Amino acid sequence: MGYSRAVKVNNVIEVAGTTATKDGEILGKGDPYQQTEYILSQIDEILRELGSEMTDVVRTRMYVVNINHWEEIGKAHYKFFKNIKPVATMVEVKSLIDPDLLVEIEVTAVMK
């Protein structure tokens, strides 16, 4: 597809839209909390591979197919960011690339 999951430029890391997929399988079907939790754990792993960590995240963008799931998604987001408190955006989208995907997240991290 010609893109990178994450790009580091100087001290800034951009992580592209990440979904709850592993080895081509969708995890947490029907469960927005579980999908969000998995996505954020994957983002944490990506940041660590690039020498960063979740405390460096300054912005999250969450694309959700049903805005009524905001509270479940927000609870999973809080689990990772309760002490960090990055700016956050959550928007409802018509659909994601697979109908079983409920959430897609991207982040910006600025390494200290």
PDB file of N, CA and C in Angstrom:
ATOM      1  N   MET A   1       0.826  -1.206   0.000  1.00  0.00           N
ATOM      2  CA  MET A   1       0.000   0.000   0.000  1.00  0.00           C
ATOM      3  C   MET A   1       0.859   1.255   0.000  1.00  0.00           C
ATOM      4  N   GLY A   2       2.160   1.138   0.278  1.00  0.00           N
ATOM      5  CA  GLY A   2       3.031   2.294   0.192  1.00  0.00           C
ATOM      6  C   GLY A   2       2.965   3.260   1.360  1.00  0.00           C
ATOM      7  N   TYR A   3       2.832   2.751   2.574  1.00  0.00           N
ATOM      8  CA  TYR A   3       2.837   3.631   3.744  1.00  0.00           C
ATOM      9  C   TYR A   3       3.537   2.954   4.903  1.00  0.00           C
ATOM     10  N   SER A   4       3.855   3.734   5.915  1.00  0.00           N
ATOM     11  CA  SER A   4       4.491   3.214   7.124  1.00  0.00           C
ATOM     12  C   SER A   4       3.508   3.291   8.285  1.00  0.00           C
ATOM     13  N   ARG A   5       3.614   2.343   9.190  1.00  0.00           N
ATOM     14  CA  ARG A   5       2.778   2.376  10.402  1.00  0.00           C
ATOM     15  C   ARG A   5       3.203   3.532  11.301  1.00  0.00           C
ATOM     16  N   ALA A   6       4.518   3.779  11.347  1.00  0.00           N
ATOM     17  CA  ALA A   6       5.027   4.855  12.188  1.00  0.00           C
ATOM     18  C   ALA A   6       6.240   5.481  11.518  1.00  0.00           C
ATOM     19  N   VAL A   7       6.364   6.797  11.710  1.00  0.00           N
ATOM     20  CA  VAL A   7       7.505   7.538  11.179  1.00  0.00           C
ATOM     21  C   VAL A   7       8.043   8.425  12.288  1.00  0.00           C
ATOM     22  N   LYS A   8       9.378   8.394  12.434  1.00  0.00           N
ATOM     23  CA  LYS A   8      10.041   9.243  13.423  1.00  0.00           C
ATOM     24  C   LYS A   8      10.860  10.282  12.673  1.00  0.00           C
ATOM     25  N   VAL A   9      10.609  11.551  12.968  1.00  0.00           N
ATOM     26  CA  VAL A   9      11.372  12.656  12.390  1.00  0.00           C
ATOM     27  C   VAL A   9      11.876  13.490  13.568  1.00  0.00           C
ATOM     28  N   ASN A  10      13.193  13.464  13.747  1.00  0.00           N
ATOM     29  CA  ASN A  10      13.811  14.117  14.906  1.00  0.00           C
ATOM     30  C   ASN A  10      13.195  13.556  16.176  1.00  0.00           C
ATOM     31  N   ASN A  11      12.512  14.376  16.959  1.00  0.00           N
ATOM     32  CA  ASN A  11      11.936  13.886  18.211  1.00  0.00           C
ATOM     33  C   ASN A  11      10.418  13.684  18.141  1.00  0.00           C
ATOM     34  N   VAL A  12       9.856  13.706  16.934  1.00  0.00           N
ATOM     35  CA  VAL A  12       8.411  13.528  16.756  1.00  0.00           C
ATOM     36  C   VAL A  12       8.140  12.180  16.090  1.00  0.00           C
ATOM     37  N   ILE A  13       7.175  11.457  16.657  1.00  0.00           N
ATOM     38  CA  ILE A  13       6.747  10.181  16.084  1.00  0.00           C
ATOM     39  C   ILE A  13       5.267  10.286  15.746  1.00  0.00           C
ATOM     40  N   GLU A  14       4.946   9.947  14.511  1.00  0.00           N
ATOM     41  CA  GLU A  14       3.554   9.858  14.077  1.00  0.00           C
ATOM     42  C   GLU A  14       3.234   8.393  13.864  1.00  0.00           C
ATOM     43  N   VAL A  15       2.200   7.917  14.543  1.00  0.00           N
ATOM     44  CA  VAL A  15       1.747   6.539  14.365  1.00  0.00           C
ATOM     45  C   VAL A  15       0.421   6.600  13.611  1.00  0.00           C
ATOM     46  N   ALA A  16       0.392   5.944  12.465  1.00  0.00           N
ATOM     47  CA  ALA A  16      -0.790   5.968  11.603  1.00  0.00           C
ATOM     48  C   ALA A  16      -1.927   5.155  12.204  1.00  0.00           C
ATOM     49  N   GLY A  17      -3.078   5.266  11.564  1.00  0.00           N
ATOM     50  CA  GLY A  17      -4.270   4.553  12.032  1.00  0.00           C
ATOM     51  C   GLY A  17      -3.983   3.099  12.338  1.00  0.00           C
ATOM     52  N   THR A  18      -4.224   2.719  13.573  1.00  0.00           N
ATOM     53  CA  THR A  18      -3.956   1.373  14.047  1.00  0.00           C
ATOM     54  C   THR A  18      -5.275   0.732  14.445  1.00  0.00           C
ATOM     55  N   THR A  19      -5.466  -0.511  14.048  1.00  0.00           N
ATOM     56  CA  THR A  19      -6.708  -1.228  14.343  1.00  0.00           C
ATOM     57  C   THR A  19      -6.415  -2.492  15.139  1.00  0.00           C
ATOM     58  N   ALA A  20      -7.469  -3.154  15.555  1.00  0.00           N
ATOM     59  CA  ALA A  20      -7.351  -4.371  16.359  1.00  0.00           C
ATOM     60  C   ALA A  20      -7.197  -5.594  15.459  1.00  0.00           C
ATOM     61  N   THR A  21      -6.083  -5.632  14.750  1.00  0.00           N
ATOM     62  CA  THR A  21      -5.812  -6.786  13.895  1.00  0.00           C
ATOM     63  C   THR A  21      -4.479  -7.415  14.287  1.00  0.00           C
ATOM     64  N   LYS A  22      -4.452  -8.727  14.205  1.00  0.00           N
ATOM     65  CA  LYS A  22      -3.228  -9.473  14.499  1.00  0.00           C
ATOM     66  C   LYS A  22      -3.179 -10.654  13.546  1.00  0.00           C
ATOM     67  N   ASP A  23      -2.112 -10.720  12.781  1.00  0.00           N
ATOM     68  CA  ASP A  23      -1.933 -11.800  11.812  1.00  0.00           C
ATOM     69  C   ASP A  23      -3.142 -11.944  10.889  1.00  0.00           C
ATOM     70  N   GLY A  24      -3.703 -10.809  10.483  1.00  0.00           N
ATOM     71  CA  GLY A  24      -4.826 -10.806   9.560  1.00  0.00           C
ATOM     72  C   GLY A  24      -6.187 -11.067  10.189  1.00  0.00           C
ATOM     73  N   GLU A  25      -6.215 -11.310  11.485  1.00  0.00           N
ATOM     74  CA  GLU A  25      -7.471 -11.575  12.194  1.00  0.00           C
ATOM     75  C   GLU A  25      -7.882 -10.350  13.001  1.00  0.00           C
ATOM     76  N   ILE A  26      -9.181 -10.114  13.083  1.00  0.00           N
ATOM     77  CA  ILE A  26      -9.699  -9.000  13.874  1.00  0.00           C
ATOM     78  C   ILE A  26      -9.984  -9.498  15.286  1.00  0.00           C
ATOM     79  N   LEU A  27      -9.422  -8.787  16.253  1.00  0.00           N
ATOM     80  CA  LEU A  27      -9.614  -9.141  17.657  1.00  0.00           C
ATOM     81  C   LEU A  27     -10.753  -8.324  18.250  1.00  0.00           C
ATOM     82  N   GLY A  28     -11.406  -8.874  19.246  1.00  0.00           N
ATOM     83  CA  GLY A  28     -12.444  -8.144  19.959  1.00  0.00           C
ATOM     84  C   GLY A  28     -13.657  -7.802  19.116  1.00  0.00           C
ATOM     85  N   LYS A  29     -14.049  -8.692  18.229  1.00  0.00           N
ATOM     86  CA  LYS A  29     -15.217  -8.420  17.379  1.00  0.00           C
ATOM     87  C   LYS A  29     -16.417  -8.063  18.249  1.00  0.00           C
ATOM     88  N   GLY A  30     -17.055  -6.950  17.928  1.00  0.00           N
ATOM     89  CA  GLY A  30     -18.228  -6.508  18.658  1.00  0.00           C
ATOM     90  C   GLY A  30     -17.942  -5.828  19.985  1.00  0.00           C
ATOM     91  N   ASP A  31     -16.685  -5.675  20.349  1.00  0.00           N
ATOM     92  CA  ASP A  31     -16.324  -5.120  21.661  1.00  0.00           C
ATOM     93  C   ASP A  31     -15.397  -3.909  21.495  1.00  0.00           C
ATOM     94  N   PRO A  32     -15.955  -2.690  21.519  1.00  0.00           N
ATOM     95  CA  PRO A  32     -15.131  -1.501  21.319  1.00  0.00           C
ATOM     96  C   PRO A  32     -14.073  -1.297  22.404  1.00  0.00           C
ATOM     97  N   TYR A  33     -14.377  -1.683  23.640  1.00  0.00           N
ATOM     98  CA  TYR A  33     -13.384  -1.556  24.713  1.00  0.00           C
ATOM     99  C   TYR A  33     -12.178  -2.447  24.422  1.00  0.00           C
ATOM    100  N   GLN A  34     -12.435  -3.700  24.122  1.00  0.00           N
ATOM    101  CA  GLN A  34     -11.351  -4.646  23.866  1.00  0.00           C
ATOM    102  C   GLN A  34     -10.532  -4.220  22.653  1.00  0.00           C
ATOM    103  N   GLN A  35     -11.191  -3.755  21.597  1.00  0.00           N
ATOM    104  CA  GLN A  35     -10.446  -3.296  20.427  1.00  0.00           C
ATOM    105  C   GLN A  35      -9.558  -2.101  20.779  1.00  0.00           C
ATOM    106  N   THR A  36     -10.105  -1.153  21.513  1.00  0.00           N
ATOM    107  CA  THR A  36      -9.338   0.036  21.890  1.00  0.00           C
ATOM    108  C   THR A  36      -8.148  -0.340  22.759  1.00  0.00           C
ATOM    109  N   GLU A  37      -8.361  -1.201  23.713  1.00  0.00           N
ATOM    110  CA  GLU A  37      -7.286  -1.640  24.600  1.00  0.00           C
ATOM    111  C   GLU A  37      -6.169  -2.318  23.795  1.00  0.00           C
ATOM    112  N   TYR A  38      -6.531  -3.179  22.868  1.00  0.00           N
ATOM    113  CA  TYR A  38      -5.528  -3.853  22.052  1.00  0.00           C
ATOM    114  C   TYR A  38      -4.767  -2.849  21.178  1.00  0.00           C
ATOM    115  N   ILE A  39      -5.500  -1.946  20.550  1.00  0.00           N
ATOM    116  CA  ILE A  39      -4.873  -0.937  19.688  1.00  0.00           C
ATOM    117  C   ILE A  39      -3.854  -0.126  20.476  1.00  0.00           C
ATOM    118  N   LEU A  40      -4.232   0.339  21.645  1.00  0.00           N
ATOM    119  CA  LEU A  40      -3.317   1.164  22.437  1.00  0.00           C
ATOM    120  C   LEU A  40      -2.111   0.365  22.923  1.00  0.00           C
ATOM    121  N   SER A  41      -2.293  -0.919  23.186  1.00  0.00           N
ATOM    122  CA  SER A  41      -1.134  -1.746  23.564  1.00  0.00           C
ATOM    123  C   SER A  41      -0.195  -1.900  22.373  1.00  0.00           C
ATOM    124  N   GLN A  42      -0.744  -1.971  21.163  1.00  0.00           N
ATOM    125  CA  GLN A  42       0.085  -2.051  19.962  1.00  0.00           C
ATOM    126  C   GLN A  42       0.832  -0.737  19.723  1.00  0.00           C
ATOM    127  N   ILE A  43       0.158   0.367  19.940  1.00  0.00           N
ATOM    128  CA  ILE A  43       0.804   1.670  19.800  1.00  0.00           C
ATOM    129  C   ILE A  43       1.926   1.811  20.822  1.00  0.00           C
ATOM    130  N   ASP A  44       1.694   1.348  22.028  1.00  0.00           N
ATOM    131  CA  ASP A  44       2.733   1.368  23.059  1.00  0.00           C
ATOM    132  C   ASP A  44       3.963   0.588  22.582  1.00  0.00           C
ATOM    133  N   GLU A  45       3.733  -0.572  22.007  1.00  0.00           N
ATOM    134  CA  GLU A  45       4.834  -1.403  21.504  1.00  0.00           C
ATOM    135  C   GLU A  45       5.588  -0.709  20.364  1.00  0.00           C
ATOM    136  N   ILE A  46       4.856  -0.098  19.451  1.00  0.00           N
ATOM    137  CA  ILE A  46       5.472   0.626  18.332  1.00  0.00           C
ATOM    138  C   ILE A  46       6.346   1.765  18.849  1.00  0.00           C
ATOM    139  N   LEU A  47       5.812   2.533  19.803  1.00  0.00           N
ATOM    140  CA  LEU A  47       6.584   3.649  20.358  1.00  0.00           C
ATOM    141  C   LEU A  47       7.860   3.155  21.022  1.00  0.00           C
ATOM    142  N   ARG A  48       7.766   2.068  21.768  1.00  0.00           N
ATOM    143  CA  ARG A  48       8.951   1.528  22.445  1.00  0.00           C
ATOM    144  C   ARG A  48      10.007   1.088  21.433  1.00  0.00           C
ATOM    145  N   GLU A  49       9.567   0.501  20.324  1.00  0.00           N
ATOM    146  CA  GLU A  49      10.514   0.086  19.280  1.00  0.00           C
ATOM    147  C   GLU A  49      11.275   1.282  18.713  1.00  0.00           C
ATOM    148  N   LEU A  50      10.661   2.464  18.773  1.00  0.00           N
ATOM    149  CA  LEU A  50      11.285   3.676  18.250  1.00  0.00           C
ATOM    150  C   LEU A  50      11.967   4.511  19.337  1.00  0.00           C
ATOM    151  N   GLY A  51      12.096   3.933  20.536  1.00  0.00           N
ATOM    152  CA  GLY A  51      12.790   4.619  21.626  1.00  0.00           C
ATOM    153  C   GLY A  51      11.934   5.605  22.389  1.00  0.00           C
ATOM    154  N   SER A  52      10.632   5.480  22.267  1.00  0.00           N
ATOM    155  CA  SER A  52       9.700   6.393  22.928  1.00  0.00           C
ATOM    156  C   SER A  52       8.824   5.608  23.896  1.00  0.00           C
ATOM    157  N   GLU A  53       7.815   6.269  24.425  1.00  0.00           N
ATOM    158  CA  GLU A  53       6.856   5.610  25.307  1.00  0.00           C
ATOM    159  C   GLU A  53       5.554   6.393  25.321  1.00  0.00           C
ATOM    160  N   MET A  54       4.553   5.807  25.926  1.00  0.00           N
ATOM    161  CA  MET A  54       3.226   6.423  25.928  1.00  0.00           C
ATOM    162  C   MET A  54       3.228   7.797  26.612  1.00  0.00           C
ATOM    163  N   THR A  55       4.118   8.026  27.549  1.00  0.00           N
ATOM    164  CA  THR A  55       4.153   9.331  28.215  1.00  0.00           C
ATOM    165  C   THR A  55       4.577  10.448  27.263  1.00  0.00           C
ATOM    166  N   ASP A  56       5.102  10.089  26.099  1.00  0.00           N
ATOM    167  CA  ASP A  56       5.470  11.079  25.091  1.00  0.00           C
ATOM    168  C   ASP A  56       4.302  11.459  24.177  1.00  0.00           C
ATOM    169  N   VAL A  57       3.191  10.743  24.274  1.00  0.00           N
ATOM    170  CA  VAL A  57       2.035  11.014  23.403  1.00  0.00           C
ATOM    171  C   VAL A  57       1.408  12.346  23.781  1.00  0.00           C
ATOM    172  N   VAL A  58       1.259  13.211  22.795  1.00  0.00           N
ATOM    173  CA  VAL A  58       0.647  14.521  23.019  1.00  0.00           C
ATOM    174  C   VAL A  58      -0.720  14.636  22.361  1.00  0.00           C
ATOM    175  N   ARG A  59      -1.051  13.709  21.448  1.00  0.00           N
ATOM    176  CA  ARG A  59      -2.337  13.774  20.750  1.00  0.00           C
ATOM    177  C   ARG A  59      -2.782  12.376  20.345  1.00  0.00           C
ATOM    178  N   THR A  60      -4.080  12.113  20.531  1.00  0.00           N
ATOM    179  CA  THR A  60      -4.690  10.892  20.008  1.00  0.00           C
ATOM    180  C   THR A  60      -5.873  11.278  19.125  1.00  0.00           C
ATOM    181  N   ARG A  61      -6.060  10.487  18.080  1.00  0.00           N
ATOM    182  CA  ARG A  61      -7.216  10.656  17.194  1.00  0.00           C
ATOM    183  C   ARG A  61      -7.896   9.300  17.089  1.00  0.00           C
ATOM    184  N   MET A  62      -9.158   9.265  17.451  1.00  0.00           N
ATOM    185  CA  MET A  62      -9.906   8.015  17.451  1.00  0.00           C
ATOM    186  C   MET A  62     -11.050   8.109  16.450  1.00  0.00           C
ATOM    187  N   TYR A  63     -11.064   7.169  15.535  1.00  0.00           N
ATOM    188  CA  TYR A  63     -12.127   7.088  14.540  1.00  0.00           C
ATOM    189  C   TYR A  63     -12.993   5.897  14.923  1.00  0.00           C
ATOM    190  N   VAL A  64     -14.272   6.149  15.142  1.00  0.00           N
ATOM    191  CA  VAL A  64     -15.173   5.107  15.632  1.00  0.00           C
ATOM    192  C   VAL A  64     -16.375   5.002  14.706  1.00  0.00           C
ATOM    193  N   VAL A  65     -16.878   3.780  14.544  1.00  0.00           N
ATOM    194  CA  VAL A  65     -18.020   3.602  13.642  1.00  0.00           C
ATOM    195  C   VAL A  65     -19.352   3.841  14.345  1.00  0.00           C
ATOM    196  N   ASN A  66     -19.334   3.908  15.671  1.00  0.00           N
ATOM    197  CA  ASN A  66     -20.563   4.185  16.417  1.00  0.00           C
ATOM    198  C   ASN A  66     -20.192   5.079  17.608  1.00  0.00           C
ATOM    199  N   ILE A  67     -20.535   6.349  17.516  1.00  0.00           N
ATOM    200  CA  ILE A  67     -20.174   7.308  18.562  1.00  0.00           C
ATOM    201  C   ILE A  67     -20.830   6.963  19.896  1.00  0.00           C
ATOM    202  N   ASN A  68     -21.876   6.144  19.873  1.00  0.00           N
ATOM    203  CA  ASN A  68     -22.516   5.715  21.120  1.00  0.00           C
ATOM    204  C   ASN A  68     -21.598   4.816  21.955  1.00  0.00           C
ATOM    205  N   HIS A  69     -20.505   4.339  21.368  1.00  0.00           N
ATOM    206  CA  HIS A  69     -19.517   3.549  22.102  1.00  0.00           C
ATOM    207  C   HIS A  69     -18.473   4.427  22.787  1.00  0.00           C
ATOM    208  N   TRP A  70     -18.682   5.747  22.777  1.00  0.00           N
ATOM    209  CA  TRP A  70     -17.664   6.678  23.277  1.00  0.00           C
ATOM    210  C   TRP A  70     -17.218   6.354  24.700  1.00  0.00           C
ATOM    211  N   GLU A  71     -18.154   5.937  25.544  1.00  0.00           N
ATOM    212  CA  GLU A  71     -17.800   5.713  26.938  1.00  0.00           C
ATOM    213  C   GLU A  71     -16.886   4.490  27.099  1.00  0.00           C
ATOM    214  N   GLU A  72     -17.181   3.403  26.381  1.00  0.00           N
ATOM    215  CA  GLU A  72     -16.342   2.206  26.455  1.00  0.00           C
ATOM    216  C   GLU A  72     -14.945   2.489  25.887  1.00  0.00           C
ATOM    217  N   ILE A  73     -14.911   3.191  24.769  1.00  0.00           N
ATOM    218  CA  ILE A  73     -13.646   3.552  24.144  1.00  0.00           C
ATOM    219  C   ILE A  73     -12.872   4.494  25.064  1.00  0.00           C
ATOM    220  N   GLY A  74     -13.588   5.443  25.640  1.00  0.00           N
ATOM    221  CA  GLY A  74     -12.970   6.390  26.568  1.00  0.00           C
ATOM    222  C   GLY A  74     -12.380   5.714  27.798  1.00  0.00           C
ATOM    223  N   LYS A  75     -13.041   4.670  28.301  1.00  0.00           N
ATOM    224  CA  LYS A  75     -12.515   3.945  29.468  1.00  0.00           C
ATOM    225  C   LYS A  75     -11.192   3.268  29.142  1.00  0.00           C
ATOM    226  N   ALA A  76     -11.096   2.679  27.957  1.00  0.00           N
ATOM    227  CA  ALA A  76      -9.835   2.040  27.560  1.00  0.00           C
ATOM    228  C   ALA A  76      -8.752   3.095  27.347  1.00  0.00           C
ATOM    229  N   HIS A  77      -9.123   4.219  26.752  1.00  0.00           N
ATOM    230  CA  HIS A  77      -8.187   5.331  26.541  1.00  0.00           C
ATOM    231  C   HIS A  77      -7.671   5.826  27.897  1.00  0.00           C
ATOM    232  N   TYR A  78      -8.569   5.970  28.848  1.00  0.00           N
ATOM    233  CA  TYR A  78      -8.216   6.424  30.197  1.00  0.00           C
ATOM    234  C   TYR A  78      -7.219   5.474  30.859  1.00  0.00           C
ATOM    235  N   LYS A  79      -7.399   4.187  30.638  1.00  0.00           N
ATOM    236  CA  LYS A  79      -6.500   3.188  31.232  1.00  0.00           C
ATOM    237  C   LYS A  79      -5.044   3.480  30.861  1.00  0.00           C
ATOM    238  N   PHE A  80      -4.805   3.913  29.640  1.00  0.00           N
ATOM    239  CA  PHE A  80      -3.447   4.189  29.175  1.00  0.00           C
ATOM    240  C   PHE A  80      -2.999   5.625  29.436  1.00  0.00           C
ATOM    241  N   PHE A  81      -3.957   6.554  29.454  1.00  0.00           N
ATOM    242  CA  PHE A  81      -3.589   7.969  29.453  1.00  0.00           C
ATOM    243  C   PHE A  81      -4.086   8.776  30.652  1.00  0.00           C
ATOM    244  N   LYS A  82      -4.552   8.126  31.709  1.00  0.00           N
ATOM    245  CA  LYS A  82      -5.128   8.863  32.838  1.00  0.00           C
ATOM    246  C   LYS A  82      -4.161   9.877  33.438  1.00  0.00           C
ATOM    247  N   ASN A  83      -2.872   9.569  33.457  1.00  0.00           N
ATOM    248  CA  ASN A  83      -1.901  10.497  34.025  1.00  0.00           C
ATOM    249  C   ASN A  83      -1.213  11.362  32.981  1.00  0.00           C
ATOM    250  N   ILE A  84      -1.350  11.000  31.721  1.00  0.00           N
ATOM    251  CA  ILE A  84      -0.670  11.705  30.635  1.00  0.00           C
ATOM    252  C   ILE A  84      -1.538  12.831  30.086  1.00  0.00           C
ATOM    253  N   LYS A  85      -2.792  12.521  29.858  1.00  0.00           N
ATOM    254  CA  LYS A  85      -3.806  13.471  29.388  1.00  0.00           C
ATOM    255  C   LYS A  85      -3.417  14.202  28.097  1.00  0.00           C
ATOM    256  N   PRO A  86      -3.179  13.436  27.002  1.00  0.00           N
ATOM    257  CA  PRO A  86      -2.929  14.106  25.727  1.00  0.00           C
ATOM    258  C   PRO A  86      -4.215  14.747  25.216  1.00  0.00           C
ATOM    259  N   VAL A  87      -4.087  15.680  24.284  1.00  0.00           N
ATOM    260  CA  VAL A  87      -5.302  16.172  23.638  1.00  0.00           C
ATOM    261  C   VAL A  87      -5.868  15.004  22.839  1.00  0.00           C
ATOM    262  N   ALA A  88      -7.182  14.960  22.720  1.00  0.00           N
ATOM    263  CA  ALA A  88      -7.801  13.802  22.075  1.00  0.00           C
ATOM    264  C   ALA A  88      -8.983  14.223  21.217  1.00  0.00           C
ATOM    265  N   THR A  89      -9.121  13.519  20.122  1.00  0.00           N
ATOM    266  CA  THR A  89     -10.256  13.716  19.230  1.00  0.00           C
ATOM    267  C   THR A  89     -10.904  12.361  19.002  1.00  0.00           C
ATOM    268  N   MET A  90     -12.228  12.320  19.075  1.00  0.00           N
ATOM    269  CA  MET A  90     -12.975  11.110  18.734  1.00  0.00           C
ATOM    270  C   MET A  90     -14.068  11.526  17.760  1.00  0.00           C
ATOM    271  N   VAL A  91     -14.051  10.931  16.586  1.00  0.00           N
ATOM    272  CA  VAL A  91     -15.059  11.249  15.583  1.00  0.00           C
ATOM    273  C   VAL A  91     -15.688   9.973  15.056  1.00  0.00           C
ATOM    274  N   GLU A  92     -16.951  10.075  14.729  1.00  0.00           N
ATOM    275  CA  GLU A  92     -17.652   8.955  14.115  1.00  0.00           C
ATOM    276  C   GLU A  92     -17.419   8.987  12.612  1.00  0.00           C
ATOM    277  N   VAL A  93     -17.119   7.817  12.069  1.00  0.00           N
ATOM    278  CA  VAL A  93     -16.933   7.670  10.629  1.00  0.00           C
ATOM    279  C   VAL A  93     -17.949   6.660  10.109  1.00  0.00           C
ATOM    280  N   LYS A  94     -18.220   6.736   8.840  1.00  0.00           N
ATOM    281  CA  LYS A  94     -19.201   5.841   8.237  1.00  0.00           C
ATOM    282  C   LYS A  94     -18.781   4.382   8.353  1.00  0.00           C
ATOM    283  N   SER A  95     -17.508   4.113   8.061  1.00  0.00           N
ATOM    284  CA  SER A  95     -17.016   2.741   8.165  1.00  0.00           C
ATOM    285  C   SER A  95     -15.496   2.744   8.165  1.00  0.00           C
ATOM    286  N   LEU A  96     -14.947   1.609   8.582  1.00  0.00           N
ATOM    287  CA  LEU A  96     -13.518   1.374   8.484  1.00  0.00           C
ATOM    288  C   LEU A  96     -13.314   0.294   7.420  1.00  0.00           C
ATOM    289  N   ILE A  97     -12.080  -0.120   7.195  1.00  0.00           N
ATOM    290  CA  ILE A  97     -11.776  -1.008   6.077  1.00  0.00           C
ATOM    291  C   ILE A  97     -12.457  -2.377   6.173  1.00  0.00           C
ATOM    292  N   ASP A  98     -12.821  -2.797   7.377  1.00  0.00           N
ATOM    293  CA  ASP A  98     -13.532  -4.061   7.586  1.00  0.00           C
ATOM    294  C   ASP A  98     -14.706  -3.785   8.513  1.00  0.00           C
ATOM    295  N   PRO A  99     -15.879  -4.335   8.222  1.00  0.00           N
ATOM    296  CA  PRO A  99     -17.052  -4.045   9.066  1.00  0.00           C
ATOM    297  C   PRO A  99     -16.927  -4.493  10.521  1.00  0.00           C
ATOM    298  N   ASP A 100     -16.001  -5.418  10.813  1.00  0.00           N
ATOM    299  CA  ASP A 100     -15.808  -5.856  12.200  1.00  0.00           C
ATOM    300  C   ASP A 100     -14.908  -4.919  12.998  1.00  0.00           C
ATOM    301  N   LEU A 101     -14.255  -3.981  12.316  1.00  0.00           N
ATOM    302  CA  LEU A 101     -13.437  -2.998  13.019  1.00  0.00           C
ATOM    303  C   LEU A 101     -14.322  -1.875  13.523  1.00  0.00           C
ATOM    304  N   LEU A 102     -14.216  -1.590  14.801  1.00  0.00           N
ATOM    305  CA  LEU A 102     -15.044  -0.569  15.441  1.00  0.00           C
ATOM    306  C   LEU A 102     -14.276   0.707  15.735  1.00  0.00           C
ATOM    307  N   VAL A 103     -12.943   0.604  15.823  1.00  0.00           N
ATOM    308  CA  VAL A 103     -12.107   1.716  16.254  1.00  0.00           C
ATOM    309  C   VAL A 103     -10.799   1.703  15.458  1.00  0.00           C
ATOM    310  N   GLU A 104     -10.326   2.892  15.122  1.00  0.00           N
ATOM    311  CA  GLU A 104      -8.987   3.061  14.553  1.00  0.00           C
ATOM    312  C   GLU A 104      -8.373   4.262  15.248  1.00  0.00           C
ATOM    313  N   ILE A 105      -7.114   4.125  15.661  1.00  0.00           N
ATOM    314  CA  ILE A 105      -6.479   5.188  16.445  1.00  0.00           C
ATOM    315  C   ILE A 105      -5.129   5.549  15.842  1.00  0.00           C
ATOM    316  N   GLU A 106      -4.831   6.850  15.862  1.00  0.00           N
ATOM    317  CA  GLU A 106      -3.501   7.320  15.506  1.00  0.00           C
ATOM    318  C   GLU A 106      -3.033   8.275  16.598  1.00  0.00           C
ATOM    319  N   VAL A 107      -1.713   8.368  16.758  1.00  0.00           N
ATOM    320  CA  VAL A 107      -1.167   9.223  17.807  1.00  0.00           C
ATOM    321  C   VAL A 107       0.025  10.007  17.290  1.00  0.00           C
ATOM    322  N   THR A 108       0.285  11.101  17.986  1.00  0.00           N
ATOM    323  CA  THR A 108       1.504  11.884  17.798  1.00  0.00           C
ATOM    324  C   THR A 108       2.239  11.881  19.131  1.00  0.00           C
ATOM    325  N   ALA A 109       3.531  11.553  19.070  1.00  0.00           N
ATOM    326  CA  ALA A 109       4.358  11.560  20.283  1.00  0.00           C
ATOM    327  C   ALA A 109       5.529  12.502  20.066  1.00  0.00           C
ATOM    328  N   VAL A 110       5.875  13.244  21.100  1.00  0.00           N
ATOM    329  CA  VAL A 110       7.043  14.136  21.062  1.00  0.00           C
ATOM    330  C   VAL A 110       7.978  13.660  22.168  1.00  0.00           C
ATOM    331  N   MET A 111       9.121  13.143  21.739  1.00  0.00           N
ATOM    332  CA  MET A 111      10.075  12.607  22.708  1.00  0.00           C
ATOM    333  C   MET A 111      10.764  13.749  23.469  1.00  0.00           C
ATOM    334  N   LYS A 112      10.918  13.553  24.762  1.00  0.00           N
ATOM    335  CA  LYS A 112      11.519  14.562  25.626  1.00  0.00           C
ATOM    336  C   LYS A 112      13.021  14.514  25.565  1.00  0.00           C
TER     337      LYS A 112
END
